[in-house]
Amino acid sequence: QTSRPRGVEMETMEALPMSSSREDDTETSQDNL
């Protein structure tokens, strides 16, 4: 049951722009520019 919510949170984080900004700092910076 722990693996289920964990995977969902991970996927949601990636889908969100805030979390994506952390991993894709370069890609997000270019878009902001």
PDB file of N, CA and C in Angstrom:
ATOM      1  N   GLN A   1       0.840  -1.208   0.000  1.00  0.00           N
ATOM      2  CA  GLN A   1       0.000   0.000   0.000  1.00  0.00           C
ATOM      3  C   GLN A   1       0.877   1.262   0.000  1.00  0.00           C
ATOM      4  N   THR A   2       2.116   1.106   0.457  1.00  0.00           N
ATOM      5  CA  THR A   2       3.007   2.282   0.488  1.00  0.00           C
ATOM      6  C   THR A   2       3.538   2.581  -0.906  1.00  0.00           C
ATOM      7  N   SER A   3       3.729   1.512  -1.685  1.00  0.00           N
ATOM      8  CA  SER A   3       4.274   1.705  -3.034  1.00  0.00           C
ATOM      9  C   SER A   3       3.237   2.407  -3.921  1.00  0.00           C
ATOM     10  N   ARG A   4       1.974   2.133  -3.664  1.00  0.00           N
ATOM     11  CA  ARG A   4       0.908   2.715  -4.512  1.00  0.00           C
ATOM     12  C   ARG A   4       0.901   4.243  -4.405  1.00  0.00           C
ATOM     13  N   PRO A   5       0.747   4.798  -3.229  1.00  0.00           N
ATOM     14  CA  PRO A   5       0.698   6.266  -3.076  1.00  0.00           C
ATOM     15  C   PRO A   5       2.020   6.906  -3.471  1.00  0.00           C
ATOM     16  N   ARG A   6       3.100   6.213  -3.193  1.00  0.00           N
ATOM     17  CA  ARG A   6       4.422   6.782  -3.518  1.00  0.00           C
ATOM     18  C   ARG A   6       4.518   7.021  -5.026  1.00  0.00           C
ATOM     19  N   GLY A   7       4.145   6.019  -5.804  1.00  0.00           N
ATOM     20  CA  GLY A   7       4.228   6.137  -7.269  1.00  0.00           C
ATOM     21  C   GLY A   7       3.324   7.258  -7.760  1.00  0.00           C
ATOM     22  N   VAL A   8       2.149   7.366  -7.161  1.00  0.00           N
ATOM     23  CA  VAL A   8       1.202   8.403  -7.594  1.00  0.00           C
ATOM     24  C   VAL A   8       1.781   9.785  -7.294  1.00  0.00           C
ATOM     25  N   GLU A   9       2.352   9.933  -6.116  1.00  0.00           N
ATOM     26  CA  GLU A   9       2.913  11.243  -5.748  1.00  0.00           C
ATOM     27  C   GLU A   9       4.066  11.602  -6.687  1.00  0.00           C
ATOM     28  N   MET A  10       4.885  10.611  -6.995  1.00  0.00           N
ATOM     29  CA  MET A  10       6.027  10.851  -7.893  1.00  0.00           C
ATOM     30  C   MET A  10       5.524  11.310  -9.260  1.00  0.00           C
ATOM     31  N   GLU A  11       4.530  10.617  -9.775  1.00  0.00           N
ATOM     32  CA  GLU A  11       3.991  10.965 -11.105  1.00  0.00           C
ATOM     33  C   GLU A  11       3.357  12.360 -11.076  1.00  0.00           C
ATOM     34  N   THR A  12       2.641  12.648  -9.996  1.00  0.00           N
ATOM     35  CA  THR A  12       1.991  13.959  -9.889  1.00  0.00           C
ATOM     36  C   THR A  12       3.047  15.058  -9.799  1.00  0.00           C
ATOM     37  N   MET A  13       4.099  14.788  -9.073  1.00  0.00           N
ATOM     38  CA  MET A  13       5.166  15.787  -8.928  1.00  0.00           C
ATOM     39  C   MET A  13       5.760  16.113 -10.299  1.00  0.00           C
ATOM     40  N   GLU A  14       6.018  15.071 -11.075  1.00  0.00           N
ATOM     41  CA  GLU A  14       6.606  15.285 -12.408  1.00  0.00           C
ATOM     42  C   GLU A  14       5.638  16.073 -13.296  1.00  0.00           C
ATOM     43  N   ALA A  15       4.358  15.787 -13.151  1.00  0.00           N
ATOM     44  CA  ALA A  15       3.348  16.450 -13.982  1.00  0.00           C
ATOM     45  C   ALA A  15       3.245  17.924 -13.575  1.00  0.00           C
ATOM     46  N   LEU A  16       3.444  18.188 -12.298  1.00  0.00           N
ATOM     47  CA  LEU A  16       3.346  19.570 -11.823  1.00  0.00           C
ATOM     48  C   LEU A  16       4.522  20.404 -12.337  1.00  0.00           C
ATOM     49  N   PRO A  17       4.309  21.693 -12.532  1.00  0.00           N
ATOM     50  CA  PRO A  17       5.379  22.570 -13.022  1.00  0.00           C
ATOM     51  C   PRO A  17       6.396  22.873 -11.928  1.00  0.00           C
ATOM     52  N   MET A  18       5.929  22.969 -10.686  1.00  0.00           N
ATOM     53  CA  MET A  18       6.843  23.273  -9.574  1.00  0.00           C
ATOM     54  C   MET A  18       7.929  22.207  -9.473  1.00  0.00           C
ATOM     55  N   SER A  19       7.517  20.951  -9.392  1.00  0.00           N
ATOM     56  CA  SER A  19       8.492  19.861  -9.277  1.00  0.00           C
ATOM     57  C   SER A  19       9.323  19.764 -10.550  1.00  0.00           C
ATOM     58  N   SER A  20       8.666  19.910 -11.680  1.00  0.00           N
ATOM     59  CA  SER A  20       9.376  19.808 -12.963  1.00  0.00           C
ATOM     60  C   SER A  20      10.447  20.896 -13.022  1.00  0.00           C
ATOM     61  N   SER A  21      10.141  22.047 -12.472  1.00  0.00           N
ATOM     62  CA  SER A  21      11.089  23.164 -12.497  1.00  0.00           C
ATOM     63  C   SER A  21      12.393  22.731 -11.828  1.00  0.00           C
ATOM     64  N   ARG A  22      12.284  21.943 -10.779  1.00  0.00           N
ATOM     65  CA  ARG A  22      13.481  21.513 -10.045  1.00  0.00           C
ATOM     66  C   ARG A  22      14.341  20.621 -10.947  1.00  0.00           C
ATOM     67  N   GLU A  23      13.726  19.653 -11.570  1.00  0.00           N
ATOM     68  CA  GLU A  23      14.503  18.733 -12.416  1.00  0.00           C
ATOM     69  C   GLU A  23      14.858  19.403 -13.749  1.00  0.00           C
ATOM     70  N   ASP A  24      13.888  20.104 -14.312  1.00  0.00           N
ATOM     71  CA  ASP A  24      14.124  20.773 -15.610  1.00  0.00           C
ATOM     72  C   ASP A  24      14.393  22.260 -15.375  1.00  0.00           C
ATOM     73  N   ASP A  25      15.355  22.549 -14.519  1.00  0.00           N
ATOM     74  CA  ASP A  25      15.667  23.950 -14.220  1.00  0.00           C
ATOM     75  C   ASP A  25      16.111  24.672 -15.488  1.00  0.00           C
ATOM     76  N   THR A  26      16.886  23.984 -16.316  1.00  0.00           N
ATOM     77  CA  THR A  26      17.396  24.618 -17.545  1.00  0.00           C
ATOM     78  C   THR A  26      16.257  24.843 -18.530  1.00  0.00           C
ATOM     79  N   GLU A  27      15.443  23.822 -18.710  1.00  0.00           N
ATOM     80  CA  GLU A  27      14.334  23.943 -19.677  1.00  0.00           C
ATOM     81  C   GLU A  27      13.345  25.017 -19.218  1.00  0.00           C
ATOM     82  N   THR A  28      13.080  25.060 -17.928  1.00  0.00           N
ATOM     83  CA  THR A  28      12.129  26.049 -17.406  1.00  0.00           C
ATOM     84  C   THR A  28      12.723  27.450 -17.519  1.00  0.00           C
ATOM     85  N   SER A  29      14.018  27.570 -17.268  1.00  0.00           N
ATOM     86  CA  SER A  29      14.676  28.878 -17.343  1.00  0.00           C
ATOM     87  C   SER A  29      14.565  29.424 -18.765  1.00  0.00           C
ATOM     88  N   GLN A  30      14.785  28.575 -19.733  1.00  0.00           N
ATOM     89  CA  GLN A  30      14.712  29.010 -21.138  1.00  0.00           C
ATOM     90  C   GLN A  30      13.302  29.513 -21.443  1.00  0.00           C
ATOM     91  N   ASP A  31      12.307  28.807 -20.949  1.00  0.00           N
ATOM     92  CA  ASP A  31      10.916  29.204 -21.209  1.00  0.00           C
ATOM     93  C   ASP A  31      10.627  30.549 -20.540  1.00  0.00           C
ATOM     94  N   ASN A  32      11.163  30.720 -19.335  1.00  0.00           N
ATOM     95  CA  ASN A  32      10.930  31.973 -18.612  1.00  0.00           C
ATOM     96  C   ASN A  32      11.585  33.137 -19.342  1.00  0.00           C
ATOM     97  N   LEU A  33      12.761  32.897 -19.872  1.00  0.00           N
ATOM     98  CA  LEU A  33      13.487  33.950 -20.586  1.00  0.00           C
ATOM     99  C   LEU A  33      12.637  34.431 -21.749  1.00  0.00           C
TER     100      LEU A  33
END
